[in-house]
PDB file of N, CA and C in Angstrom:
ATOM      1  N   MET A   1      -4.537  15.529 -70.163  1.00  0.00           N
ATOM      2  CA  MET A   1      -4.523  15.940 -68.768  1.00  0.00           C
ATOM      3  C   MET A   1      -3.225  16.691 -68.499  1.00  0.00           C
ATOM      4  N   SER A   2      -3.336  17.780 -67.808  1.00  0.00           N
ATOM      5  CA  SER A   2      -2.167  18.579 -67.454  1.00  0.00           C
ATOM      6  C   SER A   2      -1.948  18.518 -65.950  1.00  0.00           C
ATOM      7  N   HIS A   3      -0.707  18.768 -65.568  1.00  0.00           N
ATOM      8  CA  HIS A   3      -0.338  18.764 -64.153  1.00  0.00           C
ATOM      9  C   HIS A   3       0.561  19.946 -63.844  1.00  0.00           C
ATOM     10  N   MET A   4       0.656  20.228 -62.570  1.00  0.00           N
ATOM     11  CA  MET A   4       1.522  21.279 -62.084  1.00  0.00           C
ATOM     12  C   MET A   4       2.281  20.693 -60.897  1.00  0.00           C
ATOM     13  N   LEU A   5       3.603  20.656 -61.011  1.00  0.00           N
ATOM     14  CA  LEU A   5       4.458  20.125 -59.956  1.00  0.00           C
ATOM     15  C   LEU A   5       5.093  21.290 -59.224  1.00  0.00           C
ATOM     16  N   ALA A   6       5.010  21.262 -57.906  1.00  0.00           N
ATOM     17  CA  ALA A   6       5.595  22.324 -57.088  1.00  0.00           C
ATOM     18  C   ALA A   6       6.706  21.738 -56.235  1.00  0.00           C
ATOM     19  N   ARG A   7       7.803  22.471 -56.157  1.00  0.00           N
ATOM     20  CA  ARG A   7       8.958  22.066 -55.356  1.00  0.00           C
ATOM     21  C   ARG A   7       9.218  23.193 -54.373  1.00  0.00           C
ATOM     22  N   LEU A   8       9.202  22.854 -53.080  1.00  0.00           N
ATOM     23  CA  LEU A   8       9.356  23.858 -52.040  1.00  0.00           C
ATOM     24  C   LEU A   8      10.388  23.396 -51.035  1.00  0.00           C
ATOM     25  N   ARG A   9      11.264  24.296 -50.671  1.00  0.00           N
ATOM     26  CA  ARG A   9      12.338  23.966 -49.734  1.00  0.00           C
ATOM     27  C   ARG A   9      12.114  24.683 -48.405  1.00  0.00           C
ATOM     28  N   ASN A  10      12.717  24.128 -47.383  1.00  0.00           N
ATOM     29  CA  ASN A  10      12.736  24.726 -46.045  1.00  0.00           C
ATOM     30  C   ASN A  10      11.344  24.911 -45.449  1.00  0.00           C
ATOM     31  N   VAL A  11      10.533  23.892 -45.613  1.00  0.00           N
ATOM     32  CA  VAL A  11       9.205  23.866 -44.994  1.00  0.00           C
ATOM     33  C   VAL A  11       8.912  22.421 -44.601  1.00  0.00           C
ATOM     34  N   LYS A  12       8.285  22.253 -43.464  1.00  0.00           N
ATOM     35  CA  LYS A  12       7.952  20.900 -43.006  1.00  0.00           C
ATOM     36  C   LYS A  12       6.721  20.394 -43.755  1.00  0.00           C
ATOM     37  N   PRO A  13       6.697  19.112 -44.067  1.00  0.00           N
ATOM     38  CA  PRO A  13       5.555  18.549 -44.800  1.00  0.00           C
ATOM     39  C   PRO A  13       4.213  18.821 -44.110  1.00  0.00           C
ATOM     40  N   GLU A  14       4.184  18.790 -42.773  1.00  0.00           N
ATOM     41  CA  GLU A  14       2.933  19.019 -42.052  1.00  0.00           C
ATOM     42  C   GLU A  14       2.421  20.435 -42.289  1.00  0.00           C
ATOM     43  N   VAL A  15       3.344  21.388 -42.369  1.00  0.00           N
ATOM     44  CA  VAL A  15       2.954  22.785 -42.580  1.00  0.00           C
ATOM     45  C   VAL A  15       2.336  22.957 -43.960  1.00  0.00           C
ATOM     46  N   ILE A  16       3.007  22.450 -44.987  1.00  0.00           N
ATOM     47  CA  ILE A  16       2.474  22.614 -46.344  1.00  0.00           C
ATOM     48  C   ILE A  16       1.190  21.812 -46.516  1.00  0.00           C
ATOM     49  N   LYS A  17       1.091  20.659 -45.859  1.00  0.00           N
ATOM     50  CA  LYS A  17      -0.137  19.868 -45.929  1.00  0.00           C
ATOM     51  C   LYS A  17      -1.317  20.677 -45.367  1.00  0.00           C
ATOM     52  N   ASN A  18      -1.097  21.371 -44.260  1.00  0.00           N
ATOM     53  CA  ASN A  18      -2.146  22.199 -43.668  1.00  0.00           C
ATOM     54  C   ASN A  18      -2.511  23.377 -44.574  1.00  0.00           C
ATOM     55  N   VAL A  19      -1.523  23.998 -45.190  1.00  0.00           N
ATOM     56  CA  VAL A  19      -1.778  25.113 -46.111  1.00  0.00           C
ATOM     57  C   VAL A  19      -2.594  24.619 -47.306  1.00  0.00           C
ATOM     58  N   LEU A  20      -2.191  23.495 -47.867  1.00  0.00           N
ATOM     59  CA  LEU A  20      -2.905  22.953 -49.023  1.00  0.00           C
ATOM     60  C   LEU A  20      -4.331  22.552 -48.662  1.00  0.00           C
ATOM     61  N   ARG A  21      -4.509  22.011 -47.487  1.00  0.00           N
ATOM     62  CA  ARG A  21      -5.853  21.643 -47.029  1.00  0.00           C
ATOM     63  C   ARG A  21      -6.709  22.906 -46.858  1.00  0.00           C
ATOM     64  N   ARG A  22      -6.132  23.941 -46.262  1.00  0.00           N
ATOM     65  CA  ARG A  22      -6.845  25.202 -46.043  1.00  0.00           C
ATOM     66  C   ARG A  22      -7.250  25.847 -47.370  1.00  0.00           C
ATOM     67  N   ASP A  23      -6.380  25.748 -48.376  1.00  0.00           N
ATOM     68  CA  ASP A  23      -6.600  26.408 -49.664  1.00  0.00           C
ATOM     69  C   ASP A  23      -7.306  25.532 -50.697  1.00  0.00           C
ATOM     70  N   ALA A  24      -7.748  24.345 -50.312  1.00  0.00           N
ATOM     71  CA  ALA A  24      -8.313  23.376 -51.265  1.00  0.00           C
ATOM     72  C   ALA A  24      -9.517  23.932 -52.019  1.00  0.00           C
ATOM     73  N   ASP A  25     -10.392  24.663 -51.342  1.00  0.00           N
ATOM     74  CA  ASP A  25     -11.568  25.210 -52.025  1.00  0.00           C
ATOM     75  C   ASP A  25     -11.176  26.214 -53.099  1.00  0.00           C
ATOM     76  N   GLN A  26     -10.233  27.088 -52.774  1.00  0.00           N
ATOM     77  CA  GLN A  26      -9.766  28.068 -53.764  1.00  0.00           C
ATOM     78  C   GLN A  26      -9.083  27.360 -54.935  1.00  0.00           C
ATOM     79  N   HIS A  27      -8.278  26.348 -54.635  1.00  0.00           N
ATOM     80  CA  HIS A  27      -7.626  25.588 -55.705  1.00  0.00           C
ATOM     81  C   HIS A  27      -8.673  24.951 -56.612  1.00  0.00           C
ATOM     82  N   ALA A  28      -9.717  24.392 -56.020  1.00  0.00           N
ATOM     83  CA  ALA A  28     -10.766  23.742 -56.804  1.00  0.00           C
ATOM     84  C   ALA A  28     -11.454  24.753 -57.728  1.00  0.00           C
ATOM     85  N   LYS A  29     -11.685  25.956 -57.233  1.00  0.00           N
ATOM     86  CA  LYS A  29     -12.302  27.000 -58.066  1.00  0.00           C
ATOM     87  C   LYS A  29     -11.420  27.349 -59.262  1.00  0.00           C
ATOM     88  N   GLU A  30     -10.129  27.164 -59.102  1.00  0.00           N
ATOM     89  CA  GLU A  30      -9.172  27.457 -60.178  1.00  0.00           C
ATOM     90  C   GLU A  30      -8.881  26.231 -61.034  1.00  0.00           C
ATOM     91  N   GLY A  31      -9.604  25.130 -60.780  1.00  0.00           N
ATOM     92  CA  GLY A  31      -9.443  23.923 -61.579  1.00  0.00           C
ATOM     93  C   GLY A  31      -8.268  23.058 -61.172  1.00  0.00           C
ATOM     94  N   LEU A  32      -7.811  23.210 -59.923  1.00  0.00           N
ATOM     95  CA  LEU A  32      -6.665  22.441 -59.431  1.00  0.00           C
ATOM     96  C   LEU A  32      -7.111  21.399 -58.412  1.00  0.00           C
ATOM     97  N   THR A  33      -6.584  20.190 -58.559  1.00  0.00           N
ATOM     98  CA  THR A  33      -6.851  19.113 -57.621  1.00  0.00           C
ATOM     99  C   THR A  33      -5.521  18.542 -57.151  1.00  0.00           C
ATOM    100  N   LEU A  34      -5.286  18.583 -55.856  1.00  0.00           N
ATOM    101  CA  LEU A  34      -4.052  18.022 -55.309  1.00  0.00           C
ATOM    102  C   LEU A  34      -4.092  16.508 -55.447  1.00  0.00           C
ATOM    103  N   GLU A  35      -3.041  15.952 -56.048  1.00  0.00           N
ATOM    104  CA  GLU A  35      -2.978  14.497 -56.219  1.00  0.00           C
ATOM    105  C   GLU A  35      -1.986  13.850 -55.274  1.00  0.00           C
ATOM    106  N   TYR A  36      -0.825  14.463 -55.093  1.00  0.00           N
ATOM    107  CA  TYR A  36       0.222  13.864 -54.273  1.00  0.00           C
ATOM    108  C   TYR A  36       0.996  14.927 -53.522  1.00  0.00           C
ATOM    109  N   LEU A  37       1.526  14.528 -52.383  1.00  0.00           N
ATOM    110  CA  LEU A  37       2.443  15.340 -51.595  1.00  0.00           C
ATOM    111  C   LEU A  37       3.556  14.422 -51.134  1.00  0.00           C
ATOM    112  N   TRP A  38       4.790  14.790 -51.441  1.00  0.00           N
ATOM    113  CA  TRP A  38       5.937  13.963 -51.080  1.00  0.00           C
ATOM    114  C   TRP A  38       6.956  14.779 -50.307  1.00  0.00           C
ATOM    115  N   GLN A  39       7.705  14.083 -49.467  1.00  0.00           N
ATOM    116  CA  GLN A  39       8.916  14.650 -48.873  1.00  0.00           C
ATOM    117  C   GLN A  39      10.081  13.939 -49.553  1.00  0.00           C
ATOM    118  N   ASN A  40      11.047  14.717 -49.998  1.00  0.00           N
ATOM    119  CA  ASN A  40      12.222  14.157 -50.651  1.00  0.00           C
ATOM    120  C   ASN A  40      12.964  13.253 -49.663  1.00  0.00           C
ATOM    121  N   ALA A  41      13.143  11.996 -50.008  1.00  0.00           N
ATOM    122  CA  ALA A  41      13.803  11.035 -49.120  1.00  0.00           C
ATOM    123  C   ALA A  41      15.273  11.366 -48.915  1.00  0.00           C
ATOM    124  N   ASP A  42      15.894  12.026 -49.890  1.00  0.00           N
ATOM    125  CA  ASP A  42      17.309  12.369 -49.795  1.00  0.00           C
ATOM    126  C   ASP A  42      17.557  13.766 -49.240  1.00  0.00           C
ATOM    127  N   ASP A  43      16.520  14.562 -49.155  1.00  0.00           N
ATOM    128  CA  ASP A  43      16.640  15.934 -48.642  1.00  0.00           C
ATOM    129  C   ASP A  43      15.367  16.264 -47.887  1.00  0.00           C
ATOM    130  N   LYS A  44      15.382  16.066 -46.591  1.00  0.00           N
ATOM    131  CA  LYS A  44      14.187  16.248 -45.754  1.00  0.00           C
ATOM    132  C   LYS A  44      13.700  17.695 -45.737  1.00  0.00           C
ATOM    133  N   ASN A  45      14.491  18.626 -46.260  1.00  0.00           N
ATOM    134  CA  ASN A  45      14.096  20.033 -46.335  1.00  0.00           C
ATOM    135  C   ASN A  45      13.304  20.351 -47.599  1.00  0.00           C
ATOM    136  N   GLU A  46      13.023  19.339 -48.414  1.00  0.00           N
ATOM    137  CA  GLU A  46      12.334  19.574 -49.674  1.00  0.00           C
ATOM    138  C   GLU A  46      11.014  18.798 -49.720  1.00  0.00           C
ATOM    139  N   VAL A  47       9.969  19.505 -50.129  1.00  0.00           N
ATOM    140  CA  VAL A  47       8.636  18.924 -50.294  1.00  0.00           C
ATOM    141  C   VAL A  47       8.215  19.159 -51.737  1.00  0.00           C
ATOM    142  N   LEU A  48       7.589  18.165 -52.325  1.00  0.00           N
ATOM    143  CA  LEU A  48       7.041  18.289 -53.679  1.00  0.00           C
ATOM    144  C   LEU A  48       5.569  17.934 -53.632  1.00  0.00           C
ATOM    145  N   PHE A  49       4.778  18.624 -54.446  1.00  0.00           N
ATOM    146  CA  PHE A  49       3.365  18.288 -54.520  1.00  0.00           C
ATOM    147  C   PHE A  49       2.885  18.473 -55.940  1.00  0.00           C
ATOM    148  N   LEU A  50       1.918  17.638 -56.313  1.00  0.00           N
ATOM    149  CA  LEU A  50       1.445  17.566 -57.684  1.00  0.00           C
ATOM    150  C   LEU A  50      -0.044  17.858 -57.737  1.00  0.00           C
ATOM    151  N   PHE A  51      -0.410  18.809 -58.590  1.00  0.00           N
ATOM    152  CA  PHE A  51      -1.811  19.121 -58.852  1.00  0.00           C
ATOM    153  C   PHE A  51      -2.175  18.644 -60.246  1.00  0.00           C
ATOM    154  N   ARG A  52      -3.376  18.133 -60.390  1.00  0.00           N
ATOM    155  CA  ARG A  52      -3.975  17.906 -61.703  1.00  0.00           C
ATOM    156  C   ARG A  52      -4.745  19.182 -62.020  1.00  0.00           C
ATOM    157  N   THR A  53      -4.731  19.585 -63.287  1.00  0.00           N
ATOM    158  CA  THR A  53      -5.447  20.795 -63.666  1.00  0.00           C
ATOM    159  C   THR A  53      -6.275  20.574 -64.920  1.00  0.00           C
ATOM    160  N   THR A  54      -7.411  21.207 -64.953  1.00  0.00           N
ATOM    161  CA  THR A  54      -8.281  21.118 -66.116  1.00  0.00           C
ATOM    162  C   THR A  54      -7.900  22.148 -67.170  1.00  0.00           C
ATOM    163  N   ASP A  55      -7.146  23.169 -66.761  1.00  0.00           N
ATOM    164  CA  ASP A  55      -6.785  24.258 -67.669  1.00  0.00           C
ATOM    165  C   ASP A  55      -5.417  24.791 -67.255  1.00  0.00           C
ATOM    166  N   LEU A  56      -4.392  24.369 -67.974  1.00  0.00           N
ATOM    167  CA  LEU A  56      -3.023  24.721 -67.602  1.00  0.00           C
ATOM    168  C   LEU A  56      -2.780  26.229 -67.646  1.00  0.00           C
ATOM    169  N   GLU A  57      -3.328  26.899 -68.623  1.00  0.00           N
ATOM    170  CA  GLU A  57      -3.128  28.351 -68.722  1.00  0.00           C
ATOM    171  C   GLU A  57      -3.781  29.070 -67.542  1.00  0.00           C
ATOM    172  N   LYS A  58      -4.968  28.637 -67.172  1.00  0.00           N
ATOM    173  CA  LYS A  58      -5.642  29.215 -66.002  1.00  0.00           C
ATOM    174  C   LYS A  58      -4.830  28.957 -64.738  1.00  0.00           C
ATOM    175  N   ALA A  59      -4.259  27.776 -64.612  1.00  0.00           N
ATOM    176  CA  ALA A  59      -3.426  27.448 -63.455  1.00  0.00           C
ATOM    177  C   ALA A  59      -2.200  28.363 -63.389  1.00  0.00           C
ATOM    178  N   LYS A  60      -1.565  28.587 -64.527  1.00  0.00           N
ATOM    179  CA  LYS A  60      -0.396  29.475 -64.574  1.00  0.00           C
ATOM    180  C   LYS A  60      -0.766  30.891 -64.136  1.00  0.00           C
ATOM    181  N   GLN A  61      -1.884  31.371 -64.634  1.00  0.00           N
ATOM    182  CA  GLN A  61      -2.322  32.726 -64.280  1.00  0.00           C
ATOM    183  C   GLN A  61      -2.630  32.826 -62.790  1.00  0.00           C
ATOM    184  N   PHE A  62      -3.256  31.808 -62.248  1.00  0.00           N
ATOM    185  CA  PHE A  62      -3.564  31.788 -60.818  1.00  0.00           C
ATOM    186  C   PHE A  62      -2.282  31.833 -59.997  1.00  0.00           C
ATOM    187  N   ILE A  63      -1.338  30.980 -60.332  1.00  0.00           N
ATOM    188  CA  ILE A  63      -0.075  30.939 -59.590  1.00  0.00           C
ATOM    189  C   ILE A  63       0.663  32.268 -59.728  1.00  0.00           C
ATOM    190  N   ASP A  64       0.690  32.834 -60.911  1.00  0.00           N
ATOM    191  CA  ASP A  64       1.329  34.142 -61.096  1.00  0.00           C
ATOM    192  C   ASP A  64       0.703  35.196 -60.189  1.00  0.00           C
ATOM    193  N   ARG A  65      -0.622  35.225 -60.110  1.00  0.00           N
ATOM    194  CA  ARG A  65      -1.302  36.194 -59.235  1.00  0.00           C
ATOM    195  C   ARG A  65      -0.946  35.970 -57.772  1.00  0.00           C
ATOM    196  N   VAL A  66      -1.028  34.729 -57.326  1.00  0.00           N
ATOM    197  CA  VAL A  66      -0.761  34.394 -55.922  1.00  0.00           C
ATOM    198  C   VAL A  66       0.687  34.707 -55.559  1.00  0.00           C
ATOM    199  N   HIS A  67       1.617  34.325 -56.418  1.00  0.00           N
ATOM    200  CA  HIS A  67       3.030  34.549 -56.120  1.00  0.00           C
ATOM    201  C   HIS A  67       3.374  36.036 -56.179  1.00  0.00           C
ATOM    202  N   SER A  68       2.816  36.748 -57.140  1.00  0.00           N
ATOM    203  CA  SER A  68       3.066  38.196 -57.233  1.00  0.00           C
ATOM    204  C   SER A  68       2.582  38.906 -55.975  1.00  0.00           C
ATOM    205  N   ARG A  69       1.397  38.553 -55.518  1.00  0.00           N
ATOM    206  CA  ARG A  69       0.848  39.158 -54.295  1.00  0.00           C
ATOM    207  C   ARG A  69       1.727  38.842 -53.084  1.00  0.00           C
ATOM    208  N   ALA A  70       2.153  37.586 -52.969  1.00  0.00           N
ATOM    209  CA  ALA A  70       2.999  37.188 -51.847  1.00  0.00           C
ATOM    210  C   ALA A  70       4.316  37.960 -51.857  1.00  0.00           C
ATOM    211  N   LEU A  71       4.895  38.145 -53.038  1.00  0.00           N
ATOM    212  CA  LEU A  71       6.163  38.877 -53.136  1.00  0.00           C
ATOM    213  C   LEU A  71       5.999  40.366 -52.857  1.00  0.00           C
ATOM    214  N   ARG A  72       4.849  40.920 -53.196  1.00  0.00           N
ATOM    215  CA  ARG A  72       4.591  42.330 -52.848  1.00  0.00           C
ATOM    216  C   ARG A  72       4.516  42.493 -51.337  1.00  0.00           C
ATOM    217  N   GLU A  73       3.870  41.547 -50.676  1.00  0.00           N
ATOM    218  CA  GLU A  73       3.722  41.602 -49.223  1.00  0.00           C
ATOM    219  C   GLU A  73       5.032  41.306 -48.504  1.00  0.00           C
ATOM    220  N   ASN A  74       5.810  40.388 -49.071  1.00  0.00           N
ATOM    221  CA  ASN A  74       7.088  40.014 -48.465  1.00  0.00           C
ATOM    222  C   ASN A  74       8.030  39.550 -49.575  1.00  0.00           C
ATOM    223  N   PRO A  75       8.978  40.411 -49.963  1.00  0.00           N
ATOM    224  CA  PRO A  75       9.901  40.051 -51.045  1.00  0.00           C
ATOM    225  C   PRO A  75      10.735  38.793 -50.762  1.00  0.00           C
ATOM    226  N   ASP A  76      10.803  38.386 -49.502  1.00  0.00           N
ATOM    227  CA  ASP A  76      11.574  37.195 -49.140  1.00  0.00           C
ATOM    228  C   ASP A  76      10.689  35.962 -48.951  1.00  0.00           C
ATOM    229  N   SER A  77       9.478  36.004 -49.481  1.00  0.00           N
ATOM    230  CA  SER A  77       8.551  34.868 -49.343  1.00  0.00           C
ATOM    231  C   SER A  77       9.183  33.589 -49.871  1.00  0.00           C
ATOM    232  N   ASN A  78       8.939  32.502 -49.155  1.00  0.00           N
ATOM    233  CA  ASN A  78       9.399  31.189 -49.580  1.00  0.00           C
ATOM    234  C   ASN A  78       8.332  30.585 -50.484  1.00  0.00           C
ATOM    235  N   LEU A  79       8.513  30.729 -51.786  1.00  0.00           N
ATOM    236  CA  LEU A  79       7.538  30.266 -52.763  1.00  0.00           C
ATOM    237  C   LEU A  79       8.052  29.032 -53.484  1.00  0.00           C
ATOM    238  N   PRO A  80       7.148  28.151 -53.856  1.00  0.00           N
ATOM    239  CA  PRO A  80       7.581  26.950 -54.564  1.00  0.00           C
ATOM    240  C   PRO A  80       8.002  27.252 -55.999  1.00  0.00           C
ATOM    241  N   GLN A  81       8.925  26.446 -56.474  1.00  0.00           N
ATOM    242  CA  GLN A  81       9.272  26.450 -57.896  1.00  0.00           C
ATOM    243  C   GLN A  81       8.186  25.643 -58.589  1.00  0.00           C
ATOM    244  N   MET A  82       7.610  26.194 -59.640  1.00  0.00           N
ATOM    245  CA  MET A  82       6.507  25.546 -60.322  1.00  0.00           C
ATOM    246  C   MET A  82       6.989  24.962 -61.649  1.00  0.00           C
ATOM    247  N   ILE A  83       6.534  23.759 -61.944  1.00  0.00           N
ATOM    248  CA  ILE A  83       6.824  23.101 -63.215  1.00  0.00           C
ATOM    249  C   ILE A  83       5.479  22.680 -63.800  1.00  0.00           C
ATOM    250  N   TYR A  84       5.214  23.142 -65.014  1.00  0.00           N
ATOM    251  CA  TYR A  84       3.931  22.864 -65.664  1.00  0.00           C
ATOM    252  C   TYR A  84       4.126  21.737 -66.678  1.00  0.00           C
ATOM    253  N   LEU A  85       3.269  20.728 -66.587  1.00  0.00           N
ATOM    254  CA  LEU A  85       3.446  19.508 -67.360  1.00  0.00           C
ATOM    255  C   LEU A  85       2.216  19.219 -68.214  1.00  0.00           C
ATOM    256  N   GLU A  86       2.453  18.918 -69.472  1.00  0.00           N
ATOM    257  CA  GLU A  86       1.386  18.503 -70.366  1.00  0.00           C
ATOM    258  C   GLU A  86       1.610  17.059 -70.782  1.00  0.00           C
ATOM    259  N   GLU A  87       0.540  16.313 -70.791  1.00  0.00           N
ATOM    260  CA  GLU A  87       0.617  14.920 -71.196  1.00  0.00           C
ATOM    261  C   GLU A  87       0.585  14.834 -72.708  1.00  0.00           C
ATOM    262  N   ASN A  88       1.440  14.037 -73.278  1.00  0.00           N
ATOM    263  CA  ASN A  88       1.464  13.848 -74.738  1.00  0.00           C
ATOM    264  C   ASN A  88       0.896  12.497 -75.102  1.00  0.00           C
TER     265      ASN A  88
END
């Protein structure tokens, strides 16, 4: 099982929760399932969320496409740092 951890700063948990809920169908089509959403207890400006993925390479390609498009539209987009995890 593979996972994708996202770390995003300067966004309220309610905002990202709504975005993730809105995008859930698209994520599912890309093989992504949201498992957890956390707010950093030591830094309230940081949100982390974890997706389970059926295909890590497909997930990477999806994120690359989405982030590239967002940066073309707005070079100052607040995008999450992505960490791709494989279970051993």
